[in-house]
Amino acid sequence: MFENIQRCPDVVMIEEKQAFPAEGRENAFAAGDVLVETVPGAEALSVFVTAEKTPVRKVRLRWIFKSRLRGQVLGDAWERSYGDLGWQHLMPWQTLPWYALVSQGEETLGCGVKVRPGAICSWQIDPVGITLWLDVRCGGEGVCLNGRRLAAAQVVCREYRGIRSFAAAREFCRVMCGDPLLPEKPVYGANNWYYAYGHSSREDVLQDAAYLAQLTEGIKNRPYFVIDDGWQRERYCEDGSYEEVYNGGPWVPNGRFGDMASLAAGIREKGVLPGIWVRLLQDDRSPEIPEGWRLPHSGGLDPSVPEVLDLVRETVERIGRWGYRLLKHDFSTFDIMNRWGCEMPYEMAGDGWHFADRGRTSAEIIRSLYQAILEAARKYDMLVLGCNTVGHLGAGLMHLQRTGDDTSGLMWERTLRFGVNTLAFRLPQHGTFYAVDADCIGISDKIPWKYNRQWCRLLSLSGTPLFYSVRPHTMCPEEEAEFAGMLRDNASRREIPEPLDWQDTALPQDWLLCGQQVSFDWYEPWGLRVACATGPIWEKVWREVSKDL
């Protein structure tokens, strides 16, 4: 039997000071001019923060248990996961972003906050109690509320009995998100990154689209071909050489791609739907952008500046006018925070910087960015795929979410860490928050098909988006025919699979797929390499040592 924390907390800390009951206010706590209100309700415990003059950084809510808590714990990730998800013993010092599950035999407890909160939220769980951290900073400094009542979070807590922990996780995700934005049909197709790595052209894209059409011939639900990084003007130098370092805007095509509207039409003529990648908060080479629009610590565009959101909308709408119907927007968390999720052990933002608008929290500002993107995309019926985005802030504002760091067309271990792991442990969010995209199948001679075919089979029957990257007509006929069948499977809805051994390993091998138990052999004869770099820089290194790229 677990204790419910959907009640007034036992201890409230504001910064490092204990807050005490506010005079004349029920379930409210004060420290100086900062007031924290907790309002119990049938569905959630609402938490509000108000301050007149004090810049507020962090608030802690603590619930103390009458009996000792035991069991295994599973948390989420700040943005994408990095091969770091899995059930663990209680570690009191561990930060669990957004929500936490505690499994004890046939009972599971879920503690979390409803999606799109006004604070960056995380949990700590120990045998004595549970602590919720509300990071209400504006960037890395305190938010100046100036008397505004901030809706910081809606705390939810549910106990599940008689069902397995995976089913409990899915049910709890439904509690946290009552309004997911979901694609009408399964989304699948191709993305050229994991074989081209930006070395692409208009002709290459049309060949890729024709090959995708061939593989999916006769399927009523048509696939998407997503043009990844490499189409924008600054990706190639004046002499035609590829620019390795810079992958930002302005978001106009280079000479290798030409008119993007006619290219989108050409993709459609091949019988597939056009999609495109963009990095909306990186534009260092447009001279008309004032320095005041940029974040001082990262150089990324500041989404708290109204003109920046206007620029974002303008870019998205231009892409929509060109005819693209899937928008993959990338890098925004890094461009705001100047670090990857794997570099955020305890908090998303480092100290010493703030957005131009000091009156809103980071969570509110990031949420407004996602809202602006969705509003512009909706004018052209574009699906929105967020990559390097904050899932808990984006649920309900994006159709698909890239839930893990990059897989690979060169290194199998990377696909296992960042593909299989994220699929297993963020699969409860599929269909409850958005469609979960665990990233591509990178098909090349660097990874034997006997391994990639397993990853492909799992994705094909998972009901989650299946995107692949392969140079056209490089698979043998038998592999190609098998692969086409898997694409056909993925094009129709499937029941959500279950990783049966997910409480025993971070790389589940035993899965319940379409009512049957299937075991996968992920491991090469020598096991798993430990040298598996995180972040996009590793791809540059591997490009340099791969003669064929």
Protein backbone atom coordinates (compact mmCIF):
# COMPACT_ATOMS: atom_id res chain seq x y z
CA MET A 1 0.00 0.00 0.00
CA PHE A 2 1.45 3.34 -1.11
CA GLU A 3 0.69 6.73 0.38
CA ASN A 4 -0.97 9.34 -1.80
CA ILE A 5 0.93 12.63 -2.17
CA GLN A 6 -1.92 14.46 -3.88
CA ARG A 7 -2.36 16.48 -0.70
CA CYS A 8 -0.83 19.45 1.05
CA PRO A 9 2.91 18.79 1.48
CA ASP A 10 4.48 18.32 4.89
CA VAL A 11 7.44 20.62 4.23
CA VAL A 12 7.87 23.50 1.77
CA MET A 13 11.24 25.07 1.02
CA ILE A 14 11.66 28.32 -0.93
CA GLU A 15 15.25 28.55 -2.09
CA GLU A 16 17.05 27.15 0.97
CA LYS A 17 14.64 28.58 3.52
CA GLN A 18 11.81 26.65 5.07
CA ALA A 19 8.45 28.26 4.40
CA PHE A 20 5.85 28.35 7.15
CA PRO A 21 2.04 28.35 7.00
CA ALA A 22 0.82 31.68 5.68
CA GLU A 23 -1.36 33.53 8.13
CA GLY A 24 -5.03 33.35 7.21
CA ARG A 25 -4.37 31.16 4.15
CA GLU A 26 -5.25 27.47 4.05
CA ASN A 27 -2.62 25.13 2.52
CA ALA A 28 -0.34 28.08 1.78
CA PHE A 29 3.27 28.68 2.82
CA ALA A 30 5.32 31.86 2.91
CA ALA A 31 8.94 32.93 3.18
CA GLY A 32 9.41 36.67 2.93
CA ASP A 33 7.29 38.00 0.08
CA VAL A 34 7.17 34.59 -1.68
CA LEU A 35 3.93 32.66 -1.31
CA VAL A 36 3.40 29.01 -2.31
CA GLU A 37 -0.23 27.87 -2.47
CA THR A 38 -1.29 24.23 -2.76
CA VAL A 39 -4.90 23.66 -3.79
CA PRO A 40 -6.10 20.05 -3.46
CA GLY A 41 -8.57 18.78 -6.06
CA ALA A 42 -10.12 15.51 -7.16
CA GLU A 43 -7.82 15.20 -10.18
CA ALA A 44 -4.68 17.05 -9.08
CA LEU A 45 -2.98 19.16 -6.45
CA SER A 46 -2.48 22.60 -8.02
CA VAL A 47 0.62 24.55 -6.98
CA PHE A 48 0.86 28.33 -7.37
CA VAL A 49 3.80 30.63 -6.68
CA THR A 50 3.56 34.39 -6.12
CA ALA A 51 6.21 36.96 -5.27
CA GLU A 52 6.15 40.74 -5.21
CA LYS A 53 9.82 41.67 -5.50
CA THR A 54 11.98 38.61 -4.80
CA PRO A 55 13.31 36.83 -7.94
CA VAL A 56 12.27 33.21 -7.30
CA ARG A 57 14.52 30.35 -8.29
CA LYS A 58 13.35 27.05 -6.83
CA VAL A 59 10.62 25.66 -4.60
CA ARG A 60 10.66 22.25 -2.93
CA LEU A 61 7.62 20.31 -1.75
CA ARG A 62 8.20 17.35 0.55
CA TRP A 63 5.81 14.58 1.54
CA ILE A 64 6.89 12.41 4.48
CA PHE A 65 5.63 8.82 4.73
CA LYS A 66 4.36 6.99 7.78
CA SER A 67 5.92 3.73 6.63
CA ARG A 68 9.13 3.08 4.74
CA LEU A 69 8.96 3.14 0.94
CA ARG A 70 10.50 0.22 -0.96
CA GLY A 71 10.71 -0.92 -4.55
CA GLN A 72 12.22 -0.05 -7.93
CA VAL A 73 12.04 3.43 -9.46
CA LEU A 74 11.73 4.65 -13.06
CA GLY A 75 11.95 8.30 -14.10
CA ASP A 76 11.81 10.16 -17.39
CA ALA A 77 14.35 12.43 -19.17
CA TRP A 78 14.63 16.22 -19.43
CA GLU A 79 14.44 16.13 -23.24
CA ARG A 80 15.71 13.19 -25.31
CA SER A 81 17.10 10.20 -23.45
CA TYR A 82 20.73 9.13 -23.87
CA GLY A 83 20.71 5.42 -23.12
CA ASP A 84 20.23 6.29 -19.45
CA LEU A 85 16.68 5.09 -18.77
CA GLY A 86 15.80 2.04 -16.70
CA TRP A 87 14.40 0.78 -13.43
CA GLN A 88 16.72 1.27 -10.46
CA HIS A 89 16.87 0.84 -6.72
CA LEU A 90 15.90 3.85 -4.63
CA MET A 91 18.72 6.38 -4.89
CA PRO A 92 17.86 9.39 -2.73
CA TRP A 93 20.26 11.66 -4.66
CA GLN A 94 18.88 10.75 -8.09
CA THR A 95 16.99 13.43 -10.03
CA LEU A 96 13.92 12.07 -11.84
CA PRO A 97 12.62 14.55 -14.42
CA TRP A 98 8.87 15.18 -14.79
CA TYR A 99 7.48 11.96 -13.29
CA ALA A 100 8.47 8.86 -11.36
CA LEU A 101 7.09 5.35 -11.03
CA VAL A 102 7.68 3.12 -8.02
CA SER A 103 7.10 -0.61 -8.53
CA GLN A 104 6.60 -2.92 -5.57
CA GLY A 105 5.53 -6.41 -6.58
CA GLU A 106 2.15 -6.14 -8.29
CA GLU A 107 1.63 -2.55 -7.16
CA THR A 108 2.84 0.57 -8.96
CA LEU A 109 2.78 4.16 -7.77
CA GLY A 110 2.92 7.05 -10.20
CA CYS A 111 3.93 10.55 -9.08
CA GLY A 112 4.14 13.33 -11.66
CA VAL A 113 2.91 16.64 -12.93
CA LYS A 114 0.45 17.24 -15.71
CA VAL A 115 2.02 18.20 -19.03
CA ARG A 116 2.85 21.79 -19.94
CA PRO A 117 3.49 23.02 -16.38
CA GLY A 118 4.78 26.49 -15.58
CA ALA A 119 7.92 25.10 -13.91
CA ILE A 120 10.68 22.66 -14.81
CA CYS A 121 9.78 19.77 -12.50
CA SER A 122 11.74 16.86 -11.06
CA TRP A 123 11.47 14.33 -8.25
CA GLN A 124 13.63 12.72 -5.60
CA ILE A 125 12.44 9.53 -3.93
CA ASP A 126 13.86 7.97 -0.78
CA PRO A 127 12.52 5.46 1.75
CA VAL A 128 11.27 8.25 4.02
CA GLY A 129 9.44 10.42 1.51
CA ILE A 130 9.11 12.08 -1.88
CA THR A 131 10.35 15.53 -2.88
CA LEU A 132 9.18 17.61 -5.83
CA TRP A 133 11.48 20.33 -7.15
CA LEU A 134 9.86 23.23 -8.99
CA ASP A 135 12.50 25.12 -10.96
CA VAL A 136 10.76 28.42 -11.69
CA ARG A 137 13.85 30.25 -12.86
CA CYS A 138 13.99 32.40 -15.97
CA GLY A 139 16.96 30.68 -17.58
CA GLY A 140 19.58 30.43 -14.85
CA GLU A 141 18.33 33.28 -12.65
CA GLY A 142 15.25 33.93 -10.57
CA VAL A 143 11.99 34.82 -12.29
CA CYS A 144 10.57 38.28 -11.52
CA LEU A 145 6.87 37.61 -11.04
CA ASN A 146 6.06 41.14 -9.82
CA GLY A 147 2.93 39.95 -8.06
CA ARG A 148 1.81 37.55 -10.80
CA ARG A 149 0.33 34.25 -9.61
CA LEU A 150 2.27 31.54 -11.45
CA ALA A 151 0.52 28.22 -12.09
CA ALA A 152 3.65 26.18 -11.43
CA ALA A 153 2.35 22.60 -11.62
CA GLN A 154 -0.55 20.22 -11.20
CA VAL A 155 0.67 17.31 -9.10
CA VAL A 156 -0.94 13.92 -9.79
CA CYS A 157 -0.53 10.65 -7.92
CA ARG A 158 -2.09 7.29 -8.76
CA GLU A 159 -1.75 3.75 -7.41
CA TYR A 160 -2.25 0.73 -9.67
CA ARG A 161 -2.84 -2.84 -8.58
CA GLY A 162 -3.32 -6.09 -10.46
CA ILE A 163 -1.64 -4.88 -13.67
CA ARG A 164 1.97 -5.02 -14.77
CA SER A 165 4.17 -1.97 -14.33
CA PHE A 166 4.20 -1.23 -18.08
CA ALA A 167 0.40 -1.02 -18.23
CA ALA A 168 0.47 1.14 -15.11
CA ALA A 169 2.98 3.47 -16.78
CA ARG A 170 0.70 3.90 -19.80
CA GLU A 171 -2.31 4.58 -17.63
CA PHE A 172 -0.38 7.15 -15.63
CA CYS A 173 0.75 8.92 -18.82
CA ARG A 174 -2.93 9.28 -19.71
CA VAL A 175 -3.50 10.92 -16.32
CA MET A 176 -0.69 13.42 -16.97
CA CYS A 177 -1.88 14.27 -20.49
CA GLY A 178 -5.59 14.50 -21.22
CA ASP A 179 -5.22 16.23 -24.60
CA PRO A 180 -2.51 14.56 -26.73
CA LEU A 181 -2.05 15.81 -30.29
CA LEU A 182 -1.85 12.62 -32.37
CA PRO A 183 -1.45 11.94 -36.10
CA GLU A 184 -4.59 10.61 -37.77
CA LYS A 185 -2.63 7.72 -39.34
CA PRO A 186 0.62 5.90 -38.59
CA VAL A 187 3.59 8.02 -39.68
CA TYR A 188 6.51 6.30 -41.39
CA GLY A 189 8.98 6.77 -44.22
CA ALA A 190 12.58 7.76 -44.90
CA ASN A 191 15.10 10.34 -43.71
CA ASN A 192 18.39 10.82 -45.54
CA TRP A 193 20.62 11.74 -42.57
CA TYR A 194 22.02 8.35 -41.55
CA TYR A 195 23.53 7.55 -44.91
CA ALA A 196 24.14 11.01 -46.40
CA TYR A 197 25.01 12.97 -43.23
CA GLY A 198 24.22 16.24 -45.02
CA HIS A 199 26.01 15.35 -48.27
CA SER A 200 22.93 15.50 -50.45
CA SER A 201 21.34 17.32 -53.38
CA ARG A 202 18.07 17.81 -55.20
CA GLU A 203 18.77 14.82 -57.44
CA ASP A 204 19.63 12.63 -54.45
CA VAL A 205 16.38 13.56 -52.72
CA LEU A 206 14.26 12.72 -55.76
CA GLN A 207 16.04 9.37 -56.09
CA ASP A 208 15.43 8.71 -52.39
CA ALA A 209 11.73 9.58 -52.80
CA ALA A 210 11.38 7.31 -55.83
CA TYR A 211 12.98 4.44 -53.92
CA LEU A 212 10.64 4.98 -50.96
CA ALA A 213 7.69 4.94 -53.37
CA GLN A 214 8.94 1.66 -54.82
CA LEU A 215 9.28 0.03 -51.41
CA THR A 216 5.77 1.13 -50.38
CA GLU A 217 3.94 0.58 -53.65
CA GLY A 218 0.26 -0.21 -53.14
CA ILE A 219 0.08 1.02 -49.53
CA LYS A 220 -2.83 3.43 -49.16
CA ASN A 221 -1.29 5.26 -46.17
CA ARG A 222 1.55 7.06 -47.96
CA PRO A 223 4.95 7.55 -46.32
CA TYR A 224 6.96 10.72 -45.77
CA PHE A 225 10.37 11.49 -47.16
CA VAL A 226 12.13 13.89 -44.77
CA ILE A 227 14.94 16.06 -46.14
CA ASP A 228 17.36 16.38 -43.25
CA ASP A 229 20.16 18.86 -42.59
CA GLY A 230 22.09 19.93 -45.71
CA TRP A 231 19.50 21.80 -47.78
CA GLN A 232 20.04 25.25 -46.25
CA ARG A 233 22.22 27.92 -47.83
CA GLU A 234 25.04 28.05 -45.29
CA ARG A 235 25.67 24.29 -45.27
CA TYR A 236 27.88 24.63 -48.35
CA CYS A 237 30.72 27.06 -48.93
CA GLU A 238 31.09 29.23 -52.03
CA ASP A 239 33.51 26.71 -53.56
CA GLY A 240 30.87 23.97 -53.19
CA SER A 241 32.57 22.22 -50.26
CA TYR A 242 30.51 21.00 -47.31
CA GLU A 243 30.51 23.19 -44.18
CA GLU A 244 31.01 20.75 -41.28
CA VAL A 245 30.69 23.17 -38.38
CA TYR A 246 27.66 25.36 -39.07
CA ASN A 247 24.18 23.92 -39.57
CA GLY A 248 22.00 26.96 -38.94
CA GLY A 249 20.01 29.47 -40.98
CA PRO A 250 19.04 31.55 -42.83
CA TRP A 251 16.48 28.98 -43.92
CA VAL A 252 16.70 29.40 -47.66
CA PRO A 253 18.03 26.71 -50.02
CA ASN A 254 21.56 26.36 -51.32
CA GLY A 255 22.43 25.84 -54.97
CA ARG A 256 22.43 22.05 -54.69
CA PHE A 257 18.71 22.07 -53.89
CA GLY A 258 17.33 25.07 -55.76
CA ASP A 259 13.66 25.94 -55.56
CA MET A 260 12.23 24.12 -52.54
CA ALA A 261 8.59 24.40 -53.65
CA SER A 262 9.28 22.58 -56.92
CA LEU A 263 11.31 20.00 -55.00
CA ALA A 264 8.34 19.34 -52.68
CA ALA A 265 6.15 18.97 -55.77
CA GLY A 266 8.68 16.56 -57.24
CA ILE A 267 8.60 14.42 -54.11
CA ARG A 268 4.80 14.31 -54.31
CA GLU A 269 4.98 13.30 -57.97
CA LYS A 270 6.99 10.27 -56.89
CA GLY A 271 4.03 9.23 -54.72
CA VAL A 272 5.29 10.13 -51.24
CA LEU A 273 4.74 13.08 -48.90
CA PRO A 274 7.44 15.75 -48.42
CA GLY A 275 8.93 16.53 -45.02
CA ILE A 276 11.87 18.67 -43.97
CA TRP A 277 14.29 19.33 -41.08
CA VAL A 278 15.00 22.79 -39.65
CA ARG A 279 16.87 24.36 -36.72
CA LEU A 280 14.68 27.32 -35.89
CA LEU A 281 16.73 28.97 -33.11
CA GLN A 282 20.10 28.98 -34.88
CA ASP A 283 20.69 31.78 -37.37
CA ASP A 284 24.09 33.43 -37.01
CA ARG A 285 24.43 34.53 -40.63
CA SER A 286 21.42 36.75 -41.27
CA PRO A 287 22.73 40.30 -40.85
CA GLU A 288 19.26 41.74 -40.21
CA ILE A 289 18.94 39.86 -36.88
CA PRO A 290 19.77 42.24 -33.98
CA GLU A 291 22.14 41.10 -31.27
CA GLY A 292 19.38 41.68 -28.71
CA TRP A 293 17.45 38.75 -30.16
CA ARG A 294 20.16 36.30 -29.09
CA LEU A 295 20.78 34.55 -25.79
CA PRO A 296 24.10 35.78 -24.34
CA HIS A 297 25.38 32.41 -23.14
CA SER A 298 24.53 30.27 -26.19
CA GLY A 299 24.11 32.58 -29.17
CA GLY A 300 20.78 30.92 -29.97
CA LEU A 301 17.75 33.03 -30.74
CA ASP A 302 15.82 34.02 -27.61
CA PRO A 303 12.24 32.71 -27.82
CA SER A 304 11.10 35.16 -25.13
CA VAL A 305 11.57 37.98 -27.67
CA PRO A 306 8.28 38.49 -29.58
CA GLU A 307 10.13 39.26 -32.82
CA VAL A 308 11.95 35.92 -32.59
CA LEU A 309 8.64 34.08 -32.40
CA ASP A 310 7.48 36.11 -35.40
CA LEU A 311 10.60 34.96 -37.27
CA VAL A 312 9.92 31.34 -36.24
CA ARG A 313 6.33 31.58 -37.49
CA GLU A 314 7.51 33.18 -40.73
CA THR A 315 10.00 30.36 -41.35
CA VAL A 316 7.48 27.62 -40.60
CA GLU A 317 4.83 29.24 -42.78
CA ARG A 318 7.31 29.64 -45.65
CA ILE A 319 8.11 25.93 -45.44
CA GLY A 320 4.38 25.22 -45.42
CA ARG A 321 3.86 27.37 -48.52
CA TRP A 322 6.61 25.41 -50.25
CA GLY A 323 4.44 22.33 -49.78
CA TYR A 324 6.13 20.36 -46.99
CA ARG A 325 3.74 18.49 -44.74
CA LEU A 326 6.01 17.23 -41.95
CA LEU A 327 8.20 19.67 -40.05
CA LYS A 328 11.05 18.25 -37.99
CA HIS A 329 12.34 21.07 -35.77
CA ASP A 330 15.58 20.30 -33.96
CA PHE A 331 18.19 21.61 -31.50
CA SER A 332 15.95 24.09 -29.67
CA THR A 333 16.76 22.80 -26.17
CA PHE A 334 20.49 22.94 -26.88
CA ASP A 335 20.20 26.38 -28.49
CA ILE A 336 18.43 27.65 -25.36
CA MET A 337 20.32 25.85 -22.60
CA ASN A 338 23.71 25.46 -24.33
CA ARG A 339 23.99 21.84 -23.22
CA TRP A 340 22.58 18.42 -24.02
CA GLY A 341 20.22 16.45 -21.81
CA CYS A 342 23.06 14.13 -20.79
CA GLU A 343 24.82 17.22 -19.42
CA MET A 344 21.89 18.05 -17.13
CA PRO A 345 22.32 15.73 -14.15
CA TYR A 346 20.25 17.81 -11.72
CA GLU A 347 18.73 20.73 -13.61
CA MET A 348 18.17 21.89 -17.18
CA ALA A 349 19.71 25.38 -17.01
CA GLY A 350 23.08 26.46 -15.73
CA ASP A 351 23.40 29.57 -13.56
CA GLY A 352 24.26 33.11 -14.62
CA TRP A 353 21.98 33.95 -17.55
CA HIS A 354 18.37 34.83 -18.23
CA PHE A 355 15.96 35.36 -21.11
CA ALA A 356 15.18 38.89 -22.27
CA ASP A 357 11.76 38.57 -20.62
CA ARG A 358 12.54 38.19 -16.90
CA GLY A 359 8.85 37.92 -16.01
CA ARG A 360 8.29 34.38 -17.33
CA THR A 361 9.77 31.04 -16.37
CA SER A 362 11.83 28.89 -18.71
CA ALA A 363 8.97 26.41 -18.90
CA GLU A 364 6.51 29.12 -19.95
CA ILE A 365 8.89 30.50 -22.59
CA ILE A 366 9.70 27.09 -24.09
CA ARG A 367 6.01 26.24 -24.12
CA SER A 368 5.26 29.46 -26.03
CA LEU A 369 7.87 28.49 -28.65
CA TYR A 370 6.18 25.14 -29.26
CA GLN A 371 2.79 26.85 -29.43
CA ALA A 372 4.05 29.32 -32.05
CA ILE A 373 5.46 26.49 -34.19
CA LEU A 374 2.22 24.53 -34.00
CA GLU A 375 0.06 27.56 -34.83
CA ALA A 376 2.10 28.26 -37.97
CA ALA A 377 2.24 24.59 -39.00
CA ARG A 378 -1.52 24.14 -38.63
CA LYS A 379 -2.16 26.68 -41.37
CA TYR A 380 -0.69 24.18 -43.82
CA ASP A 381 -1.80 20.91 -42.19
CA MET A 382 1.81 20.10 -41.31
CA LEU A 383 2.66 17.41 -38.80
CA VAL A 384 5.12 18.67 -36.17
CA LEU A 385 7.98 16.41 -35.09
CA GLY A 386 10.02 17.76 -32.19
CA CYS A 387 13.65 16.66 -31.85
CA ASN A 388 15.86 17.80 -28.93
CA THR A 389 12.63 19.14 -27.44
CA VAL A 390 11.18 18.85 -23.95
CA GLY A 391 8.49 16.18 -24.18
CA HIS A 392 6.60 17.13 -21.04
CA LEU A 393 6.30 20.73 -22.23
CA GLY A 394 5.53 19.70 -25.82
CA ALA A 395 2.84 17.07 -25.22
CA GLY A 396 -0.31 18.42 -26.83
CA LEU A 397 1.76 20.83 -28.96
CA MET A 398 3.55 18.36 -31.25
CA HIS A 399 2.32 15.29 -33.10
CA LEU A 400 5.56 13.35 -32.81
CA GLN A 401 8.51 13.50 -30.44
CA ARG A 402 12.03 12.17 -31.11
CA THR A 403 12.50 10.60 -27.71
CA GLY A 404 16.15 9.52 -27.86
CA ASP A 405 19.53 10.77 -29.00
CA ASP A 406 20.69 9.85 -32.52
CA THR A 407 20.87 6.23 -33.59
CA SER A 408 23.40 5.43 -36.31
CA GLY A 409 24.11 4.06 -39.74
CA LEU A 410 27.68 3.37 -38.67
CA MET A 411 27.70 2.10 -35.10
CA TRP A 412 25.27 -0.60 -33.88
CA GLU A 413 25.90 0.13 -30.21
CA ARG A 414 24.49 3.60 -30.67
CA THR A 415 21.25 2.24 -32.06
CA LEU A 416 20.94 -0.07 -29.05
CA ARG A 417 21.62 2.64 -26.48
CA PHE A 418 19.65 5.43 -28.04
CA GLY A 419 17.07 3.49 -30.03
CA VAL A 420 16.04 0.32 -28.21
CA ASN A 421 16.46 1.85 -24.74
CA THR A 422 14.36 4.92 -25.48
CA LEU A 423 11.68 2.87 -27.24
CA ALA A 424 11.31 0.55 -24.26
CA PHE A 425 11.22 3.15 -21.51
CA ARG A 426 9.36 5.97 -23.24
CA LEU A 427 6.91 3.73 -25.06
CA PRO A 428 4.27 4.43 -22.36
CA GLN A 429 4.13 7.96 -23.82
CA HIS A 430 3.18 6.67 -27.29
CA GLY A 431 -0.42 7.57 -28.04
CA THR A 432 -0.76 9.18 -24.62
CA PHE A 433 1.55 12.22 -25.06
CA TYR A 434 2.28 12.06 -28.81
CA ALA A 435 3.61 9.50 -31.30
CA VAL A 436 6.97 8.29 -30.01
CA ASP A 437 9.77 8.39 -32.61
CA ALA A 438 12.68 6.28 -31.37
CA ASP A 439 14.71 7.36 -34.44
CA CYS A 440 15.86 5.79 -37.65
CA ILE A 441 17.09 2.47 -38.88
CA GLY A 442 20.46 3.40 -40.38
CA ILE A 443 21.06 0.76 -43.03
CA SER A 444 24.61 0.44 -44.38
CA ASP A 445 27.38 -2.10 -44.82
CA LYS A 446 28.79 -0.90 -41.49
CA ILE A 447 25.98 -2.69 -39.61
CA PRO A 448 25.11 -6.30 -40.55
CA TRP A 449 21.47 -6.68 -41.65
CA LYS A 450 20.94 -9.48 -39.13
CA TYR A 451 21.12 -6.83 -36.39
CA ASN A 452 19.29 -4.01 -38.15
CA ARG A 453 16.49 -6.35 -39.23
CA GLN A 454 15.70 -6.96 -35.55
CA TRP A 455 15.48 -3.22 -34.84
CA CYS A 456 13.35 -2.85 -37.95
CA ARG A 457 11.04 -5.70 -36.96
CA LEU A 458 10.51 -4.25 -33.49
CA LEU A 459 9.69 -0.82 -34.89
CA SER A 460 7.52 -2.21 -37.67
CA LEU A 461 5.23 -3.97 -35.20
CA SER A 462 5.39 -1.34 -32.46
CA GLY A 463 2.84 1.10 -33.82
CA THR A 464 5.48 3.84 -33.44
CA PRO A 465 6.91 5.76 -36.43
CA LEU A 466 9.42 3.82 -38.51
CA PHE A 467 11.88 5.97 -40.43
CA TYR A 468 14.86 4.53 -42.27
CA SER A 469 18.02 5.85 -43.93
CA VAL A 470 19.60 3.88 -46.77
CA ARG A 471 21.30 4.68 -50.05
CA PRO A 472 18.84 3.52 -52.74
CA HIS A 473 19.32 0.05 -54.22
CA THR A 474 22.22 -0.95 -51.96
CA MET A 475 20.31 -3.75 -50.20
CA CYS A 476 20.28 -7.21 -51.74
CA PRO A 477 16.91 -8.30 -53.24
CA GLU A 478 16.05 -10.62 -50.34
CA GLU A 479 16.76 -7.94 -47.73
CA GLU A 480 14.88 -5.34 -49.74
CA ALA A 481 11.79 -7.54 -50.03
CA GLU A 482 11.83 -8.30 -46.31
CA PHE A 483 12.30 -4.63 -45.50
CA ALA A 484 9.39 -3.59 -47.75
CA GLY A 485 7.16 -6.02 -45.85
CA MET A 486 8.13 -4.38 -42.56
CA LEU A 487 7.25 -0.95 -43.93
CA ARG A 488 3.88 -2.34 -44.93
CA ASP A 489 3.37 -3.66 -41.39
CA ASN A 490 4.23 -0.27 -39.91
CA ALA A 491 1.81 1.58 -42.19
CA SER A 492 -1.17 0.12 -40.34
CA ARG A 493 -1.93 0.60 -36.67
CA ARG A 494 -0.71 -2.06 -34.28
CA GLU A 495 -1.31 -2.68 -30.62
CA ILE A 496 1.40 -1.26 -28.41
CA PRO A 497 4.12 -3.84 -27.63
CA GLU A 498 5.35 -4.47 -24.11
CA PRO A 499 8.99 -4.91 -23.03
CA LEU A 500 8.50 -7.88 -20.70
CA ASP A 501 11.93 -7.76 -19.07
CA TRP A 502 12.16 -3.99 -18.72
CA GLN A 503 12.55 -4.20 -14.94
CA ASP A 504 15.55 -6.50 -15.33
CA THR A 505 17.63 -4.75 -17.99
CA ALA A 506 18.10 -1.39 -19.69
CA LEU A 507 18.09 -3.19 -23.06
CA PRO A 508 14.96 -5.38 -23.07
CA GLN A 509 15.18 -8.52 -25.18
CA ASP A 510 11.79 -10.13 -24.48
CA TRP A 511 8.83 -8.32 -26.00
CA LEU A 512 5.11 -8.98 -26.32
CA LEU A 513 4.41 -8.20 -30.00
CA CYS A 514 0.90 -8.60 -31.42
CA GLY A 515 0.02 -11.08 -28.68
CA GLN A 516 3.16 -13.21 -29.07
CA GLN A 517 6.36 -13.20 -27.05
CA VAL A 518 9.38 -12.44 -29.21
CA SER A 519 13.00 -12.52 -28.04
CA PHE A 520 15.68 -10.40 -29.73
CA ASP A 521 19.41 -11.08 -29.78
CA TRP A 522 20.88 -7.59 -29.74
CA TYR A 523 24.44 -8.57 -28.90
CA GLU A 524 27.39 -9.14 -31.19
CA PRO A 525 29.75 -12.01 -30.25
CA TRP A 526 32.01 -9.66 -28.30
CA GLY A 527 29.12 -8.07 -26.43
CA LEU A 528 28.77 -4.29 -26.51
CA ARG A 529 31.40 -1.61 -27.05
CA VAL A 530 31.55 0.91 -24.24
CA ALA A 531 33.00 3.71 -26.40
CA CYS A 532 29.73 5.20 -27.60
CA ALA A 533 29.96 8.97 -27.68
CA THR A 534 26.93 11.14 -26.99
CA GLY A 535 25.88 14.14 -29.06
CA PRO A 536 26.25 14.99 -32.74
CA ILE A 537 30.02 15.52 -32.64
CA TRP A 538 30.53 11.74 -32.75
CA GLU A 539 29.07 11.67 -36.27
CA LYS A 540 31.76 14.05 -37.50
CA VAL A 541 34.42 11.76 -36.06
CA TRP A 542 32.91 8.71 -37.72
CA ARG A 543 32.56 10.52 -41.04
CA GLU A 544 36.27 11.23 -40.95
CA VAL A 545 37.13 7.55 -40.47
CA SER A 546 34.53 6.25 -42.95
CA LYS A 547 36.01 6.45 -46.42
CA ASP A 548 32.71 5.96 -48.18
CA LEU A 549 31.02 9.02 -46.61
